[in-house]
């Protein structure tokens, strides 16, 4: 039976001499939680792990689109769509997209994620030509004006190809490279990093009645399978970012179970991305029915992701998230970037 190993991340200033660094980053750990299907979890000393497992959990992650994975990075969301759940229609058109990208870069975004197809629950399919018309010109304008890496948020190979030609440097696929069989080989051929996200079902129906045997381990198994597939095509593991897909075919209970043990995904040996900004469960728990009122809750979950070592947080509220992360780092380490 498969044993899954989850590092128990710490950031306390008092660190044991025998502690290990988590993923070459800012967290340390001395113990791990061992998980098996159908058995109680147990905590053991990290020193007892098989060497290959410990190496994968501790090894430094390579830079992704020039961004160091040894520190938290902020991915600013740029939806050039008329129907996204939080800001649909606000940034349609090249000039609006460019202005918003500029504002996010100025206030702390490390990378901009451009999407032309809403993947909110119940969203309808967008034809490739429409998605390309929305995304490629915006990406081209941003790449010619701003010095910032960009990712294309798409599940379609032709959309990704046009976006890469326009200046994007990473392919972020919410289907985890299961929707379009040509997308993964194209990304590998273009030698660009990718983000593999887990989703159960299609956006149109994914929230109807999502079910799992064990959501944490089921998501892990899916991501492991897709990472191994991409590796088999020739993409280095540290150029594959993994995202558990909060809110994509998951109930509130599923989302919270993933959050509670987010650090498990470091065992894949990949950078971890967390995208939960303004999502429904934040509004439900935080009593904020309107998406634009969910910044405080979004900051709370982003900081928890960083506390578990997630290298990238994907957010709408860039300035607020940058301030929160800067303060979190300062109060946990006693050091600021300008010290």
C-alpha atoms as a PDB file:
ATOM      1  CA  UNK A   1       0.000   0.000   0.000  1.00  0.00           C
ATOM      2  CA  UNK A   2       1.329   3.442  -0.949  1.00  0.00           C
ATOM      3  CA  UNK A   3       2.688   5.594   1.868  1.00  0.00           C
ATOM      4  CA  UNK A   4       2.464   9.363   1.377  1.00  0.00           C
ATOM      5  CA  UNK A   5       4.870  11.593   3.283  1.00  0.00           C
ATOM      6  CA  UNK A   6       3.920  15.129   4.304  1.00  0.00           C
ATOM      7  CA  UNK A   7       6.510  17.437   5.808  1.00  0.00           C
ATOM      8  CA  UNK A   8       5.195  19.361   8.833  1.00  0.00           C
ATOM      9  CA  UNK A   9       6.396  22.881   7.959  1.00  0.00           C
ATOM     10  CA  UNK A  10       7.693  25.274  10.595  1.00  0.00           C
ATOM     11  CA  UNK A  11       8.873  28.885  10.486  1.00  0.00           C
ATOM     12  CA  UNK A  12       9.734  29.398  14.148  1.00  0.00           C
ATOM     13  CA  UNK A  13      13.016  31.226  14.810  1.00  0.00           C
ATOM     14  CA  UNK A  14      14.085  28.435  17.172  1.00  0.00           C
ATOM     15  CA  UNK A  15      15.113  25.734  14.744  1.00  0.00           C
ATOM     16  CA  UNK A  16      16.582  22.352  15.776  1.00  0.00           C
ATOM     17  CA  UNK A  17      20.078  21.580  14.527  1.00  0.00           C
ATOM     18  CA  UNK A  18      18.836  18.436  12.779  1.00  0.00           C
ATOM     19  CA  UNK A  19      15.937  20.128  10.955  1.00  0.00           C
ATOM     20  CA  UNK A  20      15.655  19.989   7.175  1.00  0.00           C
ATOM     21  CA  UNK A  21      14.821  22.793   4.731  1.00  0.00           C
ATOM     22  CA  UNK A  22      11.505  22.335   2.917  1.00  0.00           C
ATOM     23  CA  UNK A  23      11.923  22.499  -0.871  1.00  0.00           C
ATOM     24  CA  UNK A  24      14.950  24.789  -0.576  1.00  0.00           C
ATOM     25  CA  UNK A  25      12.699  27.545   0.736  1.00  0.00           C
ATOM     26  CA  UNK A  26      11.836  29.428   3.920  1.00  0.00           C
ATOM     27  CA  UNK A  27      10.224  26.628   5.951  1.00  0.00           C
ATOM     28  CA  UNK A  28      11.945  23.906   7.928  1.00  0.00           C
ATOM     29  CA  UNK A  29      10.737  20.570   9.243  1.00  0.00           C
ATOM     30  CA  UNK A  30      11.921  17.867  11.599  1.00  0.00           C
ATOM     31  CA  UNK A  31       8.923  15.520  11.368  1.00  0.00           C
ATOM     32  CA  UNK A  32       6.622  14.185   8.682  1.00  0.00           C
ATOM     33  CA  UNK A  33       3.119  12.800   8.659  1.00  0.00           C
ATOM     34  CA  UNK A  34       2.777   9.356   7.077  1.00  0.00           C
ATOM     35  CA  UNK A  35      -0.544   8.847   5.311  1.00  0.00           C
ATOM     36  CA  UNK A  36      -2.065   5.646   3.936  1.00  0.00           C
ATOM     37  CA  UNK A  37      -5.504   4.921   2.589  1.00  0.00           C
ATOM     38  CA  UNK A  38      -7.687   3.305   5.206  1.00  0.00           C
ATOM     39  CA  UNK A  39      -5.157   3.661   8.027  1.00  0.00           C
ATOM     40  CA  UNK A  40      -4.631   6.238  10.765  1.00  0.00           C
ATOM     41  CA  UNK A  41      -1.981   8.861  10.062  1.00  0.00           C
ATOM     42  CA  UNK A  42       1.194   8.819  12.134  1.00  0.00           C
ATOM     43  CA  UNK A  43       4.002  11.302  12.698  1.00  0.00           C
ATOM     44  CA  UNK A  44       7.631  10.180  12.497  1.00  0.00           C
ATOM     45  CA  UNK A  45      11.035  11.844  12.550  1.00  0.00           C
ATOM     46  CA  UNK A  46      12.076  13.125   9.127  1.00  0.00           C
ATOM     47  CA  UNK A  47      15.434  11.395   9.540  1.00  0.00           C
ATOM     48  CA  UNK A  48      13.679   8.018   9.221  1.00  0.00           C
ATOM     49  CA  UNK A  49      12.419   8.684   5.683  1.00  0.00           C
ATOM     50  CA  UNK A  50      13.760   6.756   2.704  1.00  0.00           C
ATOM     51  CA  UNK A  51      16.649   8.833   1.271  1.00  0.00           C
ATOM     52  CA  UNK A  52      14.986   9.312  -2.115  1.00  0.00           C
ATOM     53  CA  UNK A  53      11.809  10.640  -0.469  1.00  0.00           C
ATOM     54  CA  UNK A  54      13.744  13.035   1.739  1.00  0.00           C
ATOM     55  CA  UNK A  55      15.734  14.257  -1.255  1.00  0.00           C
ATOM     56  CA  UNK A  56      12.587  15.059  -3.205  1.00  0.00           C
ATOM     57  CA  UNK A  57      11.009  16.951  -0.304  1.00  0.00           C
ATOM     58  CA  UNK A  58      14.114  18.979   0.546  1.00  0.00           C
ATOM     59  CA  UNK A  59      15.715  19.660  -2.846  1.00  0.00           C
ATOM     60  CA  UNK A  60      15.785  23.251  -4.076  1.00  0.00           C
ATOM     61  CA  UNK A  61      13.365  23.987  -6.902  1.00  0.00           C
ATOM     62  CA  UNK A  62      14.791  25.570 -10.031  1.00  0.00           C
ATOM     63  CA  UNK A  63      13.788  29.041 -11.146  1.00  0.00           C
ATOM     64  CA  UNK A  64      10.544  29.174 -13.163  1.00  0.00           C
ATOM     65  CA  UNK A  65      10.347  31.869 -15.873  1.00  0.00           C
ATOM     66  CA  UNK A  66      13.242  33.541 -14.055  1.00  0.00           C
ATOM     67  CA  UNK A  67      11.471  33.581 -10.681  1.00  0.00           C
ATOM     68  CA  UNK A  68      13.333  32.116  -7.702  1.00  0.00           C
ATOM     69  CA  UNK A  69      11.348  29.414  -5.949  1.00  0.00           C
ATOM     70  CA  UNK A  70      13.276  30.019  -2.719  1.00  0.00           C
ATOM     71  CA  UNK A  71      10.842  32.827  -1.848  1.00  0.00           C
ATOM     72  CA  UNK A  72       7.071  33.364  -2.154  1.00  0.00           C
ATOM     73  CA  UNK A  73       5.947  34.713  -5.537  1.00  0.00           C
ATOM     74  CA  UNK A  74       2.722  36.513  -6.397  1.00  0.00           C
ATOM     75  CA  UNK A  75       0.878  35.657  -9.614  1.00  0.00           C
ATOM     76  CA  UNK A  76      -1.495  38.464 -10.539  1.00  0.00           C
ATOM     77  CA  UNK A  77      -4.750  37.411 -12.204  1.00  0.00           C
ATOM     78  CA  UNK A  78      -5.660  39.151 -15.467  1.00  0.00           C
ATOM     79  CA  UNK A  79      -9.010  37.955 -16.775  1.00  0.00           C
ATOM     80  CA  UNK A  80      -9.664  39.357 -20.257  1.00  0.00           C
ATOM     81  CA  UNK A  81     -13.123  37.834 -20.236  1.00  0.00           C
ATOM     82  CA  UNK A  82     -16.673  39.190 -20.022  1.00  0.00           C
ATOM     83  CA  UNK A  83     -17.870  36.593 -17.500  1.00  0.00           C
ATOM     84  CA  UNK A  84     -15.223  35.710 -14.888  1.00  0.00           C
ATOM     85  CA  UNK A  85     -16.782  35.253 -11.450  1.00  0.00           C
ATOM     86  CA  UNK A  86     -14.944  38.134  -9.753  1.00  0.00           C
ATOM     87  CA  UNK A  87     -14.042  40.757 -12.329  1.00  0.00           C
ATOM     88  CA  UNK A  88     -15.659  39.721 -15.597  1.00  0.00           C
ATOM     89  CA  UNK A  89     -15.629  42.495 -18.172  1.00  0.00           C
ATOM     90  CA  UNK A  90     -13.406  44.833 -16.149  1.00  0.00           C
ATOM     91  CA  UNK A  91     -10.235  44.252 -18.157  1.00  0.00           C
ATOM     92  CA  UNK A  92     -11.457  43.377 -21.651  1.00  0.00           C
ATOM     93  CA  UNK A  93      -9.543  45.044 -24.460  1.00  0.00           C
ATOM     94  CA  UNK A  94      -5.840  45.641 -24.858  1.00  0.00           C
ATOM     95  CA  UNK A  95      -5.644  49.020 -23.136  1.00  0.00           C
ATOM     96  CA  UNK A  96      -7.635  47.937 -20.084  1.00  0.00           C
ATOM     97  CA  UNK A  97      -5.580  44.755 -19.807  1.00  0.00           C
ATOM     98  CA  UNK A  98      -2.298  46.634 -20.132  1.00  0.00           C
ATOM     99  CA  UNK A  99      -3.314  49.202 -17.530  1.00  0.00           C
ATOM    100  CA  UNK A 100      -4.313  46.552 -15.014  1.00  0.00           C
ATOM    101  CA  UNK A 101      -1.159  44.523 -15.637  1.00  0.00           C
ATOM    102  CA  UNK A 102       0.910  47.647 -15.068  1.00  0.00           C
ATOM    103  CA  UNK A 103      -0.890  48.360 -11.816  1.00  0.00           C
ATOM    104  CA  UNK A 104      -0.303  44.811 -10.579  1.00  0.00           C
ATOM    105  CA  UNK A 105       3.389  44.916 -11.455  1.00  0.00           C
ATOM    106  CA  UNK A 106       3.783  48.279  -9.739  1.00  0.00           C
ATOM    107  CA  UNK A 107       2.193  46.950  -6.555  1.00  0.00           C
ATOM    108  CA  UNK A 108       4.076  43.680  -6.337  1.00  0.00           C
ATOM    109  CA  UNK A 109       3.126  41.038  -8.916  1.00  0.00           C
ATOM    110  CA  UNK A 110       6.003  38.759  -9.926  1.00  0.00           C
ATOM    111  CA  UNK A 111       4.140  37.196 -12.854  1.00  0.00           C
ATOM    112  CA  UNK A 112       0.872  37.945 -14.680  1.00  0.00           C
ATOM    113  CA  UNK A 113      -1.545  35.122 -15.546  1.00  0.00           C
ATOM    114  CA  UNK A 114      -3.698  35.986 -18.572  1.00  0.00           C
ATOM    115  CA  UNK A 115      -6.916  34.074 -19.152  1.00  0.00           C
ATOM    116  CA  UNK A 116      -9.484  34.353 -21.922  1.00  0.00           C
ATOM    117  CA  UNK A 117     -11.946  31.631 -20.928  1.00  0.00           C
ATOM    118  CA  UNK A 118     -13.812  31.771 -17.640  1.00  0.00           C
ATOM    119  CA  UNK A 119     -13.510  28.530 -15.667  1.00  0.00           C
ATOM    120  CA  UNK A 120     -15.974  29.510 -12.951  1.00  0.00           C
ATOM    121  CA  UNK A 121     -18.574  26.873 -12.062  1.00  0.00           C
ATOM    122  CA  UNK A 122     -21.161  26.725 -14.829  1.00  0.00           C
ATOM    123  CA  UNK A 123     -19.005  28.543 -17.380  1.00  0.00           C
ATOM    124  CA  UNK A 124     -19.577  27.702 -21.030  1.00  0.00           C
ATOM    125  CA  UNK A 125     -16.922  26.619 -23.534  1.00  0.00           C
ATOM    126  CA  UNK A 126     -15.179  29.443 -25.431  1.00  0.00           C
ATOM    127  CA  UNK A 127     -14.081  28.764 -29.049  1.00  0.00           C
ATOM    128  CA  UNK A 128     -10.344  28.916 -29.729  1.00  0.00           C
ATOM    129  CA  UNK A 129     -10.521  31.888 -32.082  1.00  0.00           C
ATOM    130  CA  UNK A 130     -12.427  33.948 -29.512  1.00  0.00           C
ATOM    131  CA  UNK A 131     -10.004  33.017 -26.746  1.00  0.00           C
ATOM    132  CA  UNK A 132      -7.019  33.886 -28.942  1.00  0.00           C
ATOM    133  CA  UNK A 133      -8.532  37.249 -29.873  1.00  0.00           C
ATOM    134  CA  UNK A 134      -8.947  38.044 -26.195  1.00  0.00           C
ATOM    135  CA  UNK A 135      -5.515  36.912 -24.980  1.00  0.00           C
ATOM    136  CA  UNK A 136      -2.796  37.190 -27.641  1.00  0.00           C
ATOM    137  CA  UNK A 137      -3.056  40.965 -28.295  1.00  0.00           C
ATOM    138  CA  UNK A 138      -3.113  41.711 -24.549  1.00  0.00           C
ATOM    139  CA  UNK A 139      -0.055  39.523 -23.946  1.00  0.00           C
ATOM    140  CA  UNK A 140       1.788  41.135 -26.852  1.00  0.00           C
ATOM    141  CA  UNK A 141       1.075  44.647 -25.546  1.00  0.00           C
ATOM    142  CA  UNK A 142       2.189  43.725 -22.034  1.00  0.00           C
ATOM    143  CA  UNK A 143       5.367  42.001 -23.237  1.00  0.00           C
ATOM    144  CA  UNK A 144       6.296  45.065 -25.289  1.00  0.00           C
ATOM    145  CA  UNK A 145       5.619  47.497 -22.442  1.00  0.00           C
ATOM    146  CA  UNK A 146       6.338  45.814 -19.114  1.00  0.00           C
ATOM    147  CA  UNK A 147       9.271  43.785 -17.853  1.00  0.00           C
ATOM    148  CA  UNK A 148       7.297  40.948 -16.292  1.00  0.00           C
ATOM    149  CA  UNK A 149       6.931  37.226 -17.042  1.00  0.00           C
ATOM    150  CA  UNK A 150       3.499  36.057 -18.138  1.00  0.00           C
ATOM    151  CA  UNK A 151       1.576  32.803 -18.166  1.00  0.00           C
ATOM    152  CA  UNK A 152      -1.312  31.828 -20.383  1.00  0.00           C
ATOM    153  CA  UNK A 153      -4.265  30.326 -18.538  1.00  0.00           C
ATOM    154  CA  UNK A 154      -5.711  27.939 -21.119  1.00  0.00           C
ATOM    155  CA  UNK A 155      -6.471  24.290 -21.806  1.00  0.00           C
ATOM    156  CA  UNK A 156      -6.139  24.603 -25.592  1.00  0.00           C
ATOM    157  CA  UNK A 157      -2.917  24.089 -27.568  1.00  0.00           C
ATOM    158  CA  UNK A 158      -3.590  26.676 -30.284  1.00  0.00           C
ATOM    159  CA  UNK A 159      -4.426  29.343 -27.715  1.00  0.00           C
ATOM    160  CA  UNK A 160      -1.225  28.539 -25.850  1.00  0.00           C
ATOM    161  CA  UNK A 161       0.826  28.581 -29.048  1.00  0.00           C
ATOM    162  CA  UNK A 162      -0.412  32.054 -29.994  1.00  0.00           C
ATOM    163  CA  UNK A 163       0.158  33.281 -26.440  1.00  0.00           C
ATOM    164  CA  UNK A 164       3.738  31.984 -26.384  1.00  0.00           C
ATOM    165  CA  UNK A 165       4.381  33.674 -29.719  1.00  0.00           C
ATOM    166  CA  UNK A 166       3.035  36.901 -28.217  1.00  0.00           C
ATOM    167  CA  UNK A 167       5.355  36.761 -25.197  1.00  0.00           C
ATOM    168  CA  UNK A 168       3.984  34.376 -22.566  1.00  0.00           C
ATOM    169  CA  UNK A 169       6.505  32.075 -20.917  1.00  0.00           C
ATOM    170  CA  UNK A 170       4.436  29.525 -18.975  1.00  0.00           C
ATOM    171  CA  UNK A 171       1.381  27.400 -19.785  1.00  0.00           C
ATOM    172  CA  UNK A 172      -1.154  27.141 -16.950  1.00  0.00           C
ATOM    173  CA  UNK A 173      -3.719  24.420 -17.718  1.00  0.00           C
ATOM    174  CA  UNK A 174      -6.719  24.065 -15.397  1.00  0.00           C
ATOM    175  CA  UNK A 175      -7.424  20.630 -16.879  1.00  0.00           C
ATOM    176  CA  UNK A 176      -4.000  19.324 -15.880  1.00  0.00           C
ATOM    177  CA  UNK A 177      -3.202  18.541 -19.529  1.00  0.00           C
ATOM    178  CA  UNK A 178      -6.165  16.204 -19.966  1.00  0.00           C
ATOM    179  CA  UNK A 179      -8.353  18.361 -22.249  1.00  0.00           C
ATOM    180  CA  UNK A 180      -6.162  18.802 -25.340  1.00  0.00           C
ATOM    181  CA  UNK A 181      -3.714  16.000 -26.162  1.00  0.00           C
ATOM    182  CA  UNK A 182      -1.562  18.371 -28.211  1.00  0.00           C
ATOM    183  CA  UNK A 183      -0.950  20.895 -25.436  1.00  0.00           C
ATOM    184  CA  UNK A 184       1.684  19.045 -23.383  1.00  0.00           C
ATOM    185  CA  UNK A 185       3.877  18.020 -26.355  1.00  0.00           C
ATOM    186  CA  UNK A 186       3.686  21.560 -27.706  1.00  0.00           C
ATOM    187  CA  UNK A 187       4.808  23.034 -24.375  1.00  0.00           C
ATOM    188  CA  UNK A 188       7.690  20.583 -24.188  1.00  0.00           C
ATOM    189  CA  UNK A 189       8.689  21.343 -27.780  1.00  0.00           C
ATOM    190  CA  UNK A 190       8.687  25.058 -26.945  1.00  0.00           C
ATOM    191  CA  UNK A 191      10.730  24.331 -23.801  1.00  0.00           C
ATOM    192  CA  UNK A 192       8.445  26.316 -21.488  1.00  0.00           C
ATOM    193  CA  UNK A 193       7.445  25.512 -17.908  1.00  0.00           C
ATOM    194  CA  UNK A 194       3.889  24.489 -17.155  1.00  0.00           C
ATOM    195  CA  UNK A 195       1.415  24.480 -14.298  1.00  0.00           C
ATOM    196  CA  UNK A 196      -0.620  21.295 -13.838  1.00  0.00           C
ATOM    197  CA  UNK A 197      -3.872  21.828 -11.966  1.00  0.00           C
ATOM    198  CA  UNK A 198      -6.305  19.231 -10.682  1.00  0.00           C
ATOM    199  CA  UNK A 199      -9.973  19.573 -11.580  1.00  0.00           C
ATOM    200  CA  UNK A 200     -12.751  17.033 -11.311  1.00  0.00           C
ATOM    201  CA  UNK A 201     -15.001  17.414 -14.323  1.00  0.00           C
ATOM    202  CA  UNK A 202     -15.578  20.301 -16.724  1.00  0.00           C
ATOM    203  CA  UNK A 203     -16.250  23.867 -15.526  1.00  0.00           C
ATOM    204  CA  UNK A 204     -19.831  23.602 -16.742  1.00  0.00           C
ATOM    205  CA  UNK A 205     -20.640  20.685 -14.407  1.00  0.00           C
ATOM    206  CA  UNK A 206     -17.753  20.331 -11.940  1.00  0.00           C
ATOM    207  CA  UNK A 207     -19.655  21.582  -8.878  1.00  0.00           C
ATOM    208  CA  UNK A 208     -22.748  19.437  -9.423  1.00  0.00           C
ATOM    209  CA  UNK A 209     -21.816  16.657  -6.975  1.00  0.00           C
ATOM    210  CA  UNK A 210     -18.035  16.222  -6.616  1.00  0.00           C
ATOM    211  CA  UNK A 211     -16.970  13.063  -4.765  1.00  0.00           C
ATOM    212  CA  UNK A 212     -13.650  11.498  -3.766  1.00  0.00           C
ATOM    213  CA  UNK A 213     -12.461   8.422  -1.927  1.00  0.00           C
ATOM    214  CA  UNK A 214      -9.872  10.642  -0.206  1.00  0.00           C
ATOM    215  CA  UNK A 215      -9.636  14.111  -1.720  1.00  0.00           C
ATOM    216  CA  UNK A 216      -6.070  14.789  -0.556  1.00  0.00           C
ATOM    217  CA  UNK A 217      -4.618  11.523  -1.815  1.00  0.00           C
ATOM    218  CA  UNK A 218      -6.789  11.392  -4.950  1.00  0.00           C
ATOM    219  CA  UNK A 219      -5.562  14.854  -5.981  1.00  0.00           C
ATOM    220  CA  UNK A 220      -1.974  13.890  -5.161  1.00  0.00           C
ATOM    221  CA  UNK A 221      -2.217  10.733  -7.287  1.00  0.00           C
ATOM    222  CA  UNK A 222      -3.595  12.678 -10.238  1.00  0.00           C
ATOM    223  CA  UNK A 223      -0.837  15.285 -10.042  1.00  0.00           C
ATOM    224  CA  UNK A 224       1.834  12.614  -9.670  1.00  0.00           C
ATOM    225  CA  UNK A 225       0.552  10.827 -12.780  1.00  0.00           C
ATOM    226  CA  UNK A 226       0.535  14.030 -14.824  1.00  0.00           C
ATOM    227  CA  UNK A 227       3.978  15.103 -13.605  1.00  0.00           C
ATOM    228  CA  UNK A 228       5.398  11.720 -14.613  1.00  0.00           C
ATOM    229  CA  UNK A 229       3.686  12.028 -18.007  1.00  0.00           C
ATOM    230  CA  UNK A 230       5.213  15.465 -18.615  1.00  0.00           C
ATOM    231  CA  UNK A 231       8.605  14.206 -17.453  1.00  0.00           C
ATOM    232  CA  UNK A 232       8.352  11.334 -19.922  1.00  0.00           C
ATOM    233  CA  UNK A 233       7.923  13.915 -22.698  1.00  0.00           C
ATOM    234  CA  UNK A 234      11.154  15.621 -21.627  1.00  0.00           C
ATOM    235  CA  UNK A 235      10.070  18.407 -19.275  1.00  0.00           C
ATOM    236  CA  UNK A 236      12.259  18.665 -16.130  1.00  0.00           C
ATOM    237  CA  UNK A 237      10.340  18.073 -12.917  1.00  0.00           C
ATOM    238  CA  UNK A 238      11.323  21.417 -11.405  1.00  0.00           C
ATOM    239  CA  UNK A 239       9.777  23.160 -14.417  1.00  0.00           C
ATOM    240  CA  UNK A 240       6.414  21.589 -13.621  1.00  0.00           C
ATOM    241  CA  UNK A 241       4.355  23.604 -11.142  1.00  0.00           C
ATOM    242  CA  UNK A 242       1.517  21.757  -9.379  1.00  0.00           C
ATOM    243  CA  UNK A 243      -1.809  23.224  -8.228  1.00  0.00           C
ATOM    244  CA  UNK A 244      -4.362  21.205  -6.218  1.00  0.00           C
ATOM    245  CA  UNK A 245      -7.191  23.161  -7.853  1.00  0.00           C
ATOM    246  CA  UNK A 246      -9.098  24.695  -4.967  1.00  0.00           C
ATOM    247  CA  UNK A 247     -12.767  25.065  -5.951  1.00  0.00           C
ATOM    248  CA  UNK A 248     -12.507  23.010  -9.143  1.00  0.00           C
ATOM    249  CA  UNK A 249     -14.865  20.090  -8.612  1.00  0.00           C
ATOM    250  CA  UNK A 250     -14.595  20.336  -4.829  1.00  0.00           C
ATOM    251  CA  UNK A 251     -16.934  21.098  -1.948  1.00  0.00           C
ATOM    252  CA  UNK A 252     -16.023  23.377   0.924  1.00  0.00           C
ATOM    253  CA  UNK A 253     -15.024  20.313   2.954  1.00  0.00           C
ATOM    254  CA  UNK A 254     -12.775  19.134   0.123  1.00  0.00           C
ATOM    255  CA  UNK A 255     -11.119  22.559  -0.117  1.00  0.00           C
ATOM    256  CA  UNK A 256     -10.455  22.684   3.617  1.00  0.00           C
ATOM    257  CA  UNK A 257      -9.011  19.157   3.627  1.00  0.00           C
ATOM    258  CA  UNK A 258      -6.553  20.184   0.915  1.00  0.00           C
ATOM    259  CA  UNK A 259      -5.579  23.347   2.790  1.00  0.00           C
ATOM    260  CA  UNK A 260      -4.991  21.503   6.041  1.00  0.00           C
ATOM    261  CA  UNK A 261      -2.300  19.331   4.425  1.00  0.00           C
ATOM    262  CA  UNK A 262      -1.162  21.453   1.502  1.00  0.00           C
ATOM    263  CA  UNK A 263       2.490  20.719   2.265  1.00  0.00           C
ATOM    264  CA  UNK A 264       1.981  17.130   1.070  1.00  0.00           C
ATOM    265  CA  UNK A 265       2.380  18.349  -2.497  1.00  0.00           C
ATOM    266  CA  UNK A 266       6.043  19.262  -1.905  1.00  0.00           C
ATOM    267  CA  UNK A 267       6.651  15.508  -1.952  1.00  0.00           C
ATOM    268  CA  UNK A 268       6.160  15.657  -5.724  1.00  0.00           C
ATOM    269  CA  UNK A 269       9.439  17.570  -6.029  1.00  0.00           C
ATOM    270  CA  UNK A 270       7.734  20.434  -7.876  1.00  0.00           C
ATOM    271  CA  UNK A 271       6.967  24.072  -7.055  1.00  0.00           C
ATOM    272  CA  UNK A 272       3.485  24.417  -5.558  1.00  0.00           C
ATOM    273  CA  UNK A 273       0.933  27.033  -6.658  1.00  0.00           C
ATOM    274  CA  UNK A 274      -2.159  27.889  -4.644  1.00  0.00           C
ATOM    275  CA  UNK A 275      -5.059  29.681  -6.328  1.00  0.00           C
ATOM    276  CA  UNK A 276      -7.945  30.385  -3.961  1.00  0.00           C
ATOM    277  CA  UNK A 277      -8.408  34.131  -4.322  1.00  0.00           C
ATOM    278  CA  UNK A 278     -11.987  35.372  -3.761  1.00  0.00           C
ATOM    279  CA  UNK A 279     -13.475  31.884  -4.186  1.00  0.00           C
ATOM    280  CA  UNK A 280     -16.895  30.885  -2.921  1.00  0.00           C
ATOM    281  CA  UNK A 281     -15.770  29.065   0.225  1.00  0.00           C
ATOM    282  CA  UNK A 282     -14.051  32.276   1.383  1.00  0.00           C
ATOM    283  CA  UNK A 283     -17.325  34.125   0.983  1.00  0.00           C
ATOM    284  CA  UNK A 284     -19.247  31.380   2.784  1.00  0.00           C
ATOM    285  CA  UNK A 285     -16.932  31.125   5.781  1.00  0.00           C
ATOM    286  CA  UNK A 286     -16.130  34.844   5.845  1.00  0.00           C
ATOM    287  CA  UNK A 287     -19.711  36.056   5.326  1.00  0.00           C
ATOM    288  CA  UNK A 288     -18.834  37.920   2.122  1.00  0.00           C
ATOM    289  CA  UNK A 289     -21.428  37.129  -0.574  1.00  0.00           C
ATOM    290  CA  UNK A 290     -19.818  39.491  -3.112  1.00  0.00           C
ATOM    291  CA  UNK A 291     -16.507  38.344  -4.600  1.00  0.00           C
ATOM    292  CA  UNK A 292     -14.982  41.829  -4.424  1.00  0.00           C
ATOM    293  CA  UNK A 293     -15.474  41.808  -0.626  1.00  0.00           C
ATOM    294  CA  UNK A 294     -13.342  38.708  -0.078  1.00  0.00           C
ATOM    295  CA  UNK A 295      -9.862  40.263   0.031  1.00  0.00           C
ATOM    296  CA  UNK A 296      -9.376  39.748   3.800  1.00  0.00           C
ATOM    297  CA  UNK A 297     -10.264  36.055   3.560  1.00  0.00           C
ATOM    298  CA  UNK A 298      -8.140  35.698   0.435  1.00  0.00           C
ATOM    299  CA  UNK A 299      -5.168  37.152   2.325  1.00  0.00           C
ATOM    300  CA  UNK A 300      -5.708  34.671   5.152  1.00  0.00           C
ATOM    301  CA  UNK A 301      -5.581  31.659   2.856  1.00  0.00           C
ATOM    302  CA  UNK A 302      -2.635  33.061   0.867  1.00  0.00           C
ATOM    303  CA  UNK A 303      -0.630  33.459   4.076  1.00  0.00           C
ATOM    304  CA  UNK A 304      -1.481  29.923   5.138  1.00  0.00           C
ATOM    305  CA  UNK A 305      -0.256  28.679   1.755  1.00  0.00           C
ATOM    306  CA  UNK A 306       3.017  30.572   2.244  1.00  0.00           C
ATOM    307  CA  UNK A 307       3.307  29.176   5.784  1.00  0.00           C
ATOM    308  CA  UNK A 308       3.129  25.700   4.221  1.00  0.00           C
ATOM    309  CA  UNK A 309       5.858  26.588   1.738  1.00  0.00           C
ATOM    310  CA  UNK A 310       3.804  27.229  -1.417  1.00  0.00           C
ATOM    311  CA  UNK A 311       6.087  29.050  -3.823  1.00  0.00           C
ATOM    312  CA  UNK A 312       3.379  30.852  -5.836  1.00  0.00           C
ATOM    313  CA  UNK A 313       0.039  32.337  -4.782  1.00  0.00           C
ATOM    314  CA  UNK A 314      -2.354  33.328  -7.553  1.00  0.00           C
ATOM    315  CA  UNK A 315      -4.389  36.373  -6.497  1.00  0.00           C
ATOM    316  CA  UNK A 316      -6.656  39.224  -7.560  1.00  0.00           C
ATOM    317  CA  UNK A 317      -5.588  41.603  -4.776  1.00  0.00           C
ATOM    318  CA  UNK A 318      -1.896  42.017  -5.522  1.00  0.00           C
ATOM    319  CA  UNK A 319      -1.039  45.097  -3.451  1.00  0.00           C
ATOM    320  CA  UNK A 320      -2.764  43.715  -0.368  1.00  0.00           C
ATOM    321  CA  UNK A 321      -1.133  40.312  -0.787  1.00  0.00           C
ATOM    322  CA  UNK A 322       2.324  41.833  -1.236  1.00  0.00           C
ATOM    323  CA  UNK A 323       1.906  43.872   1.927  1.00  0.00           C
ATOM    324  CA  UNK A 324       0.674  40.839   3.852  1.00  0.00           C
ATOM    325  CA  UNK A 325       3.529  38.600   2.698  1.00  0.00           C
ATOM    326  CA  UNK A 326       6.155  41.270   3.401  1.00  0.00           C
ATOM    327  CA  UNK A 327       4.840  41.666   6.935  1.00  0.00           C
ATOM    328  CA  UNK A 328       4.502  37.926   7.444  1.00  0.00           C
ATOM    329  CA  UNK A 329       8.137  37.433   6.428  1.00  0.00           C
ATOM    330  CA  UNK A 330       9.296  40.291   8.637  1.00  0.00           C
ATOM    331  CA  UNK A 331       7.535  39.096  11.778  1.00  0.00           C
ATOM    332  CA  UNK A 332       8.494  35.442  11.311  1.00  0.00           C
ATOM    333  CA  UNK A 333      12.156  36.047  10.461  1.00  0.00           C
ATOM    334  CA  UNK A 334      12.865  39.471  11.969  1.00  0.00           C
ATOM    335  CA  UNK A 335      14.364  40.505   8.619  1.00  0.00           C
ATOM    336  CA  UNK A 336      13.080  42.664   5.787  1.00  0.00           C
ATOM    337  CA  UNK A 337      14.291  42.763   2.192  1.00  0.00           C
ATOM    338  CA  UNK A 338      15.693  46.265   2.675  1.00  0.00           C
ATOM    339  CA  UNK A 339      17.414  45.496   5.990  1.00  0.00           C
END
